[in-house]
Amino acid sequence: MATGSDAARARAEASFRKEERAKDGAKAMMEYQADSRRIREKTARLKALRLAKEAGEKKRDARMKDSDPT
């Protein structure tokens, strides 16, 4: 038979588990948001590099075409 102290202990343990789940959820959300931010930053950096490379190739092609005597 459960006594008053057993019931109080069970409530305290349930409350503790609930708080732990909430903390774990908050931590997981922060990690998810940080990962998303890193992915967006990396994508933007790679896009800038690709666009710069393409612009350089276009300039090179234009110079080659202008200097081609044919």
PDB file of N, CA and C in Angstrom:
ATOM      1  N   MET A   1       0.831  -1.172   0.000  1.00  0.00           N
ATOM      2  CA  MET A   1       0.000   0.000   0.000  1.00  0.00           C
ATOM      3  C   MET A   1       0.885   1.248   0.000  1.00  0.00           C
ATOM      4  N   ALA A   2       0.554   2.200  -0.844  1.00  0.00           N
ATOM      5  CA  ALA A   2       1.354   3.408  -0.976  1.00  0.00           C
ATOM      6  C   ALA A   2       1.033   4.374   0.145  1.00  0.00           C
ATOM      7  N   THR A   3       2.070   4.914   0.700  1.00  0.00           N
ATOM      8  CA  THR A   3       1.875   5.903   1.755  1.00  0.00           C
ATOM      9  C   THR A   3       1.969   7.295   1.153  1.00  0.00           C
ATOM     10  N   GLY A   4       1.698   8.294   1.957  1.00  0.00           N
ATOM     11  CA  GLY A   4       1.750   9.676   1.484  1.00  0.00           C
ATOM     12  C   GLY A   4       3.129  10.057   0.981  1.00  0.00           C
ATOM     13  N   SER A   5       4.159   9.565   1.660  1.00  0.00           N
ATOM     14  CA  SER A   5       5.520   9.909   1.236  1.00  0.00           C
ATOM     15  C   SER A   5       5.880   9.212  -0.077  1.00  0.00           C
ATOM     16  N   ASP A   6       5.352   7.997  -0.282  1.00  0.00           N
ATOM     17  CA  ASP A   6       5.594   7.297  -1.544  1.00  0.00           C
ATOM     18  C   ASP A   6       4.936   8.044  -2.708  1.00  0.00           C
ATOM     19  N   ALA A   7       3.730   8.532  -2.492  1.00  0.00           N
ATOM     20  CA  ALA A   7       3.018   9.272  -3.531  1.00  0.00           C
ATOM     21  C   ALA A   7       3.738  10.586  -3.831  1.00  0.00           C
ATOM     22  N   ALA A   8       4.215  11.247  -2.782  1.00  0.00           N
ATOM     23  CA  ALA A   8       4.942  12.506  -2.971  1.00  0.00           C
ATOM     24  C   ALA A   8       6.239  12.255  -3.736  1.00  0.00           C
ATOM     25  N   ARG A   9       6.898  11.166  -3.399  1.00  0.00           N
ATOM     26  CA  ARG A   9       8.142  10.828  -4.099  1.00  0.00           C
ATOM     27  C   ARG A   9       7.861  10.537  -5.569  1.00  0.00           C
ATOM     28  N   ALA A  10       6.795   9.805  -5.848  1.00  0.00           N
ATOM     29  CA  ALA A  10       6.433   9.483  -7.223  1.00  0.00           C
ATOM     30  C   ALA A  10       6.119  10.761  -8.011  1.00  0.00           C
ATOM     31  N   ARG A  11       5.397  11.701  -7.382  1.00  0.00           N
ATOM     32  CA  ARG A  11       5.096  12.971  -8.047  1.00  0.00           C
ATOM     33  C   ARG A  11       6.376  13.762  -8.309  1.00  0.00           C
ATOM     34  N   ALA A  12       7.274  13.761  -7.344  1.00  0.00           N
ATOM     35  CA  ALA A  12       8.538  14.477  -7.499  1.00  0.00           C
ATOM     36  C   ALA A  12       9.369  13.871  -8.633  1.00  0.00           C
ATOM     37  N   GLU A  13       9.416  12.547  -8.699  1.00  0.00           N
ATOM     38  CA  GLU A  13      10.162  11.880  -9.758  1.00  0.00           C
ATOM     39  C   GLU A  13       9.532  12.153 -11.123  1.00  0.00           C
ATOM     40  N   ALA A  14       8.206  12.144 -11.188  1.00  0.00           N
ATOM     41  CA  ALA A  14       7.510  12.430 -12.445  1.00  0.00           C
ATOM     42  C   ALA A  14       7.788  13.863 -12.879  1.00  0.00           C
ATOM     43  N   SER A  15       7.769  14.775 -11.926  1.00  0.00           N
ATOM     44  CA  SER A  15       8.054  16.180 -12.226  1.00  0.00           C
ATOM     45  C   SER A  15       9.492  16.330 -12.728  1.00  0.00           C
ATOM     46  N   PHE A  16      10.422  15.617 -12.083  1.00  0.00           N
ATOM     47  CA  PHE A  16      11.824  15.678 -12.496  1.00  0.00           C
ATOM     48  C   PHE A  16      11.988  15.149 -13.920  1.00  0.00           C
ATOM     49  N   ARG A  17      11.336  14.021 -14.222  1.00  0.00           N
ATOM     50  CA  ARG A  17      11.428  13.454 -15.575  1.00  0.00           C
ATOM     51  C   ARG A  17      10.844  14.407 -16.604  1.00  0.00           C
ATOM     52  N   LYS A  18       9.761  15.065 -16.247  1.00  0.00           N
ATOM     53  CA  LYS A  18       9.131  16.027 -17.157  1.00  0.00           C
ATOM     54  C   LYS A  18      10.083  17.200 -17.428  1.00  0.00           C
ATOM     55  N   GLU A  19      10.724  17.698 -16.394  1.00  0.00           N
ATOM     56  CA  GLU A  19      11.684  18.797 -16.559  1.00  0.00           C
ATOM     57  C   GLU A  19      12.870  18.355 -17.419  1.00  0.00           C
ATOM     58  N   GLU A  20      13.341  17.149 -17.209  1.00  0.00           N
ATOM     59  CA  GLU A  20      14.461  16.628 -17.994  1.00  0.00           C
ATOM     60  C   GLU A  20      14.082  16.510 -19.472  1.00  0.00           C
ATOM     61  N   ARG A  21      12.885  16.033 -19.756  1.00  0.00           N
ATOM     62  CA  ARG A  21      12.425  15.940 -21.151  1.00  0.00           C
ATOM     63  C   ARG A  21      12.340  17.324 -21.780  1.00  0.00           C
ATOM     64  N   ALA A  22      11.858  18.293 -21.008  1.00  0.00           N
ATOM     65  CA  ALA A  22      11.755  19.662 -21.518  1.00  0.00           C
ATOM     66  C   ALA A  22      13.159  20.224 -21.808  1.00  0.00           C
ATOM     67  N   LYS A  23      14.105  19.973 -20.923  1.00  0.00           N
ATOM     68  CA  LYS A  23      15.484  20.438 -21.142  1.00  0.00           C
ATOM     69  C   LYS A  23      16.093  19.763 -22.368  1.00  0.00           C
ATOM     70  N   ASP A  24      15.875  18.455 -22.489  1.00  0.00           N
ATOM     71  CA  ASP A  24      16.400  17.725 -23.642  1.00  0.00           C
ATOM     72  C   ASP A  24      15.785  18.249 -24.938  1.00  0.00           C
ATOM     73  N   GLY A  25      14.491  18.536 -24.906  1.00  0.00           N
ATOM     74  CA  GLY A  25      13.815  19.071 -26.083  1.00  0.00           C
ATOM     75  C   GLY A  25      14.358  20.438 -26.468  1.00  0.00           C
ATOM     76  N   ALA A  26      14.592  21.288 -25.479  1.00  0.00           N
ATOM     77  CA  ALA A  26      15.135  22.621 -25.745  1.00  0.00           C
ATOM     78  C   ALA A  26      16.548  22.508 -26.317  1.00  0.00           C
ATOM     79  N   LYS A  27      17.335  21.595 -25.760  1.00  0.00           N
ATOM     80  CA  LYS A  27      18.703  21.406 -26.253  1.00  0.00           C
ATOM     81  C   LYS A  27      18.683  20.891 -27.693  1.00  0.00           C
ATOM     82  N   ALA A  28      17.806  19.954 -27.971  1.00  0.00           N
ATOM     83  CA  ALA A  28      17.704  19.406 -29.325  1.00  0.00           C
ATOM     84  C   ALA A  28      17.281  20.494 -30.312  1.00  0.00           C
ATOM     85  N   MET A  29      16.360  21.358 -29.916  1.00  0.00           N
ATOM     86  CA  MET A  29      15.916  22.441 -30.795  1.00  0.00           C
ATOM     87  C   MET A  29      17.055  23.421 -31.059  1.00  0.00           C
ATOM     88  N   MET A  30      17.835  23.742 -30.044  1.00  0.00           N
ATOM     89  CA  MET A  30      18.968  24.654 -30.233  1.00  0.00           C
ATOM     90  C   MET A  30      19.988  24.040 -31.191  1.00  0.00           C
ATOM     91  N   GLU A  31      20.245  22.746 -31.049  1.00  0.00           N
ATOM     92  CA  GLU A  31      21.183  22.069 -31.948  1.00  0.00           C
ATOM     93  C   GLU A  31      20.647  22.056 -33.375  1.00  0.00           C
ATOM     94  N   TYR A  32      19.356  21.804 -33.531  1.00  0.00           N
ATOM     95  CA  TYR A  32      18.724  21.804 -34.848  1.00  0.00           C
ATOM     96  C   TYR A  32      18.839  23.177 -35.499  1.00  0.00           C
ATOM     97  N   GLN A  33      18.569  24.218 -34.729  1.00  0.00           N
ATOM     98  CA  GLN A  33      18.651  25.576 -35.268  1.00  0.00           C
ATOM     99  C   GLN A  33      20.091  25.937 -35.627  1.00  0.00           C
ATOM    100  N   ALA A  34      21.050  25.537 -34.800  1.00  0.00           N
ATOM    101  CA  ALA A  34      22.451  25.816 -35.084  1.00  0.00           C
ATOM    102  C   ALA A  34      22.894  25.080 -36.350  1.00  0.00           C
ATOM    103  N   ASP A  35      22.483  23.832 -36.495  1.00  0.00           N
ATOM    104  CA  ASP A  35      22.819  23.064 -37.697  1.00  0.00           C
ATOM    105  C   ASP A  35      22.211  23.709 -38.940  1.00  0.00           C
ATOM    106  N   SER A  36      20.966  24.156 -38.820  1.00  0.00           N
ATOM    107  CA  SER A  36      20.305  24.805 -39.951  1.00  0.00           C
ATOM    108  C   SER A  36      21.037  26.080 -40.350  1.00  0.00           C
ATOM    109  N   ARG A  37      21.466  26.845 -39.362  1.00  0.00           N
ATOM    110  CA  ARG A  37      22.204  28.084 -39.631  1.00  0.00           C
ATOM    111  C   ARG A  37      23.531  27.778 -40.324  1.00  0.00           C
ATOM    112  N   ARG A  38      24.236  26.756 -39.841  1.00  0.00           N
ATOM    113  CA  ARG A  38      25.518  26.383 -40.470  1.00  0.00           C
ATOM    114  C   ARG A  38      25.314  25.935 -41.911  1.00  0.00           C
ATOM    115  N   ILE A  39      24.256  25.196 -42.153  1.00  0.00           N
ATOM    116  CA  ILE A  39      23.976  24.730 -43.515  1.00  0.00           C
ATOM    117  C   ILE A  39      23.671  25.913 -44.426  1.00  0.00           C
ATOM    118  N   ARG A  40      22.854  26.867 -43.942  1.00  0.00           N
ATOM    119  CA  ARG A  40      22.539  28.050 -44.760  1.00  0.00           C
ATOM    120  C   ARG A  40      23.799  28.863 -45.054  1.00  0.00           C
ATOM    121  N   GLU A  41      24.662  29.030 -44.044  1.00  0.00           N
ATOM    122  CA  GLU A  41      25.899  29.788 -44.242  1.00  0.00           C
ATOM    123  C   GLU A  41      26.817  29.089 -45.232  1.00  0.00           C
ATOM    124  N   LYS A  42      26.950  27.778 -45.111  1.00  0.00           N
ATOM    125  CA  LYS A  42      27.810  27.018 -46.017  1.00  0.00           C
ATOM    126  C   LYS A  42      27.264  27.075 -47.439  1.00  0.00           C
ATOM    127  N   THR A  43      25.944  26.957 -47.576  1.00  0.00           N
ATOM    128  CA  THR A  43      25.320  27.021 -48.897  1.00  0.00           C
ATOM    129  C   THR A  43      25.557  28.384 -49.532  1.00  0.00           C
ATOM    130  N   ALA A  44      25.406  29.444 -48.751  1.00  0.00           N
ATOM    131  CA  ALA A  44      25.636  30.797 -49.272  1.00  0.00           C
ATOM    132  C   ALA A  44      27.094  30.974 -49.694  1.00  0.00           C
ATOM    133  N   ARG A  45      28.019  30.459 -48.900  1.00  0.00           N
ATOM    134  CA  ARG A  45      29.445  30.569 -49.236  1.00  0.00           C
ATOM    135  C   ARG A  45      29.752  29.808 -50.520  1.00  0.00           C
ATOM    136  N   LEU A  46      29.223  28.591 -50.643  1.00  0.00           N
ATOM    137  CA  LEU A  46      29.468  27.797 -51.845  1.00  0.00           C
ATOM    138  C   LEU A  46      28.836  28.447 -53.077  1.00  0.00           C
ATOM    139  N   LYS A  47      27.667  29.045 -52.905  1.00  0.00           N
ATOM    140  CA  LYS A  47      27.022  29.726 -54.025  1.00  0.00           C
ATOM    141  C   LYS A  47      27.864  30.910 -54.480  1.00  0.00           C
ATOM    142  N   ALA A  48      28.380  31.671 -53.528  1.00  0.00           N
ATOM    143  CA  ALA A  48      29.232  32.820 -53.874  1.00  0.00           C
ATOM    144  C   ALA A  48      30.480  32.353 -54.619  1.00  0.00           C
ATOM    145  N   LEU A  49      31.081  31.268 -54.170  1.00  0.00           N
ATOM    146  CA  LEU A  49      32.265  30.731 -54.854  1.00  0.00           C
ATOM    147  C   LEU A  49      31.912  30.275 -56.266  1.00  0.00           C
ATOM    148  N   ARG A  50      30.773  29.602 -56.413  1.00  0.00           N
ATOM    149  CA  ARG A  50      30.357  29.131 -57.735  1.00  0.00           C
ATOM    150  C   ARG A  50      30.099  30.302 -58.671  1.00  0.00           C
ATOM    151  N   LEU A  51      29.406  31.327 -58.186  1.00  0.00           N
ATOM    152  CA  LEU A  51      29.117  32.488 -59.025  1.00  0.00           C
ATOM    153  C   LEU A  51      30.401  33.215 -59.421  1.00  0.00           C
ATOM    154  N   ALA A  52      31.344  33.326 -58.498  1.00  0.00           N
ATOM    155  CA  ALA A  52      32.619  33.968 -58.818  1.00  0.00           C
ATOM    156  C   ALA A  52      33.378  33.154 -59.864  1.00  0.00           C
ATOM    157  N   LYS A  53      33.356  31.851 -59.730  1.00  0.00           N
ATOM    158  CA  LYS A  53      34.028  30.990 -60.700  1.00  0.00           C
ATOM    159  C   LYS A  53      33.382  31.135 -62.073  1.00  0.00           C
ATOM    160  N   GLU A  54      32.058  31.135 -62.114  1.00  0.00           N
ATOM    161  CA  GLU A  54      31.355  31.268 -63.393  1.00  0.00           C
ATOM    162  C   GLU A  54      31.635  32.627 -64.031  1.00  0.00           C
ATOM    163  N   ALA A  55      31.689  33.679 -63.225  1.00  0.00           N
ATOM    164  CA  ALA A  55      31.983  35.010 -63.756  1.00  0.00           C
ATOM    165  C   ALA A  55      33.396  35.049 -64.327  1.00  0.00           C
ATOM    166  N   GLY A  56      34.329  34.424 -63.631  1.00  0.00           N
ATOM    167  CA  GLY A  56      35.703  34.361 -64.129  1.00  0.00           C
ATOM    168  C   GLY A  56      35.795  33.584 -65.426  1.00  0.00           C
ATOM    169  N   GLU A  57      35.049  32.502 -65.523  1.00  0.00           N
ATOM    170  CA  GLU A  57      35.057  31.705 -66.753  1.00  0.00           C
ATOM    171  C   GLU A  57      34.457  32.490 -67.922  1.00  0.00           C
ATOM    172  N   LYS A  58      33.402  33.250 -67.640  1.00  0.00           N
ATOM    173  CA  LYS A  58      32.796  34.060 -68.695  1.00  0.00           C
ATOM    174  C   LYS A  58      33.766  35.123 -69.179  1.00  0.00           C
ATOM    175  N   LYS A  59      34.480  35.761 -68.266  1.00  0.00           N
ATOM    176  CA  LYS A  59      35.470  36.778 -68.660  1.00  0.00           C
ATOM    177  C   LYS A  59      36.572  36.137 -69.487  1.00  0.00           C
ATOM    178  N   ARG A  60      37.030  34.979 -69.042  1.00  0.00           N
ATOM    179  CA  ARG A  60      38.098  34.287 -69.759  1.00  0.00           C
ATOM    180  C   ARG A  60      37.624  33.907 -71.165  1.00  0.00           C
ATOM    181  N   ASP A  61      36.413  33.384 -71.250  1.00  0.00           N
ATOM    182  CA  ASP A  61      35.873  32.998 -72.555  1.00  0.00           C
ATOM    183  C   ASP A  61      35.723  34.213 -73.469  1.00  0.00           C
ATOM    184  N   ALA A  62      35.285  35.340 -72.905  1.00  0.00           N
ATOM    185  CA  ALA A  62      35.126  36.552 -73.707  1.00  0.00           C
ATOM    186  C   ALA A  62      36.476  37.044 -74.205  1.00  0.00           C
ATOM    187  N   ARG A  63      37.495  36.984 -73.363  1.00  0.00           N
ATOM    188  CA  ARG A  63      38.838  37.401 -73.785  1.00  0.00           C
ATOM    189  C   ARG A  63      39.385  36.466 -74.862  1.00  0.00           C
ATOM    190  N   MET A  64      39.145  35.170 -74.686  1.00  0.00           N
ATOM    191  CA  MET A  64      39.623  34.212 -75.671  1.00  0.00           C
ATOM    192  C   MET A  64      38.915  34.440 -77.016  1.00  0.00           C
ATOM    193  N   LYS A  65      37.631  34.749 -76.974  1.00  0.00           N
ATOM    194  CA  LYS A  65      36.865  34.980 -78.185  1.00  0.00           C
ATOM    195  C   LYS A  65      37.333  36.263 -78.875  1.00  0.00           C
ATOM    196  N   ASP A  66      37.591  37.311 -78.083  1.00  0.00           N
ATOM    197  CA  ASP A  66      38.057  38.588 -78.644  1.00  0.00           C
ATOM    198  C   ASP A  66      39.458  38.459 -79.256  1.00  0.00           C
ATOM    199  N   SER A  67      40.295  37.623 -78.682  1.00  0.00           N
ATOM    200  CA  SER A  67      41.653  37.490 -79.214  1.00  0.00           C
ATOM    201  C   SER A  67      41.773  36.425 -80.287  1.00  0.00           C
ATOM    202  N   ASP A  68      40.707  35.686 -80.557  1.00  0.00           N
ATOM    203  CA  ASP A  68      40.721  34.632 -81.577  1.00  0.00           C
ATOM    204  C   ASP A  68      40.671  35.278 -82.963  1.00  0.00           C
ATOM    205  N   PRO A  69      41.689  35.062 -83.798  1.00  0.00           N
ATOM    206  CA  PRO A  69      41.750  35.726 -85.105  1.00  0.00           C
ATOM    207  C   PRO A  69      40.830  35.122 -86.149  1.00  0.00           C
ATOM    208  N   THR A  70      40.134  34.065 -85.861  1.00  0.00           N
ATOM    209  CA  THR A  70      39.271  33.435 -86.880  1.00  0.00           C
ATOM    210  C   THR A  70      37.987  34.115 -87.068  1.00  0.00           C
TER     211      THR A  70
END
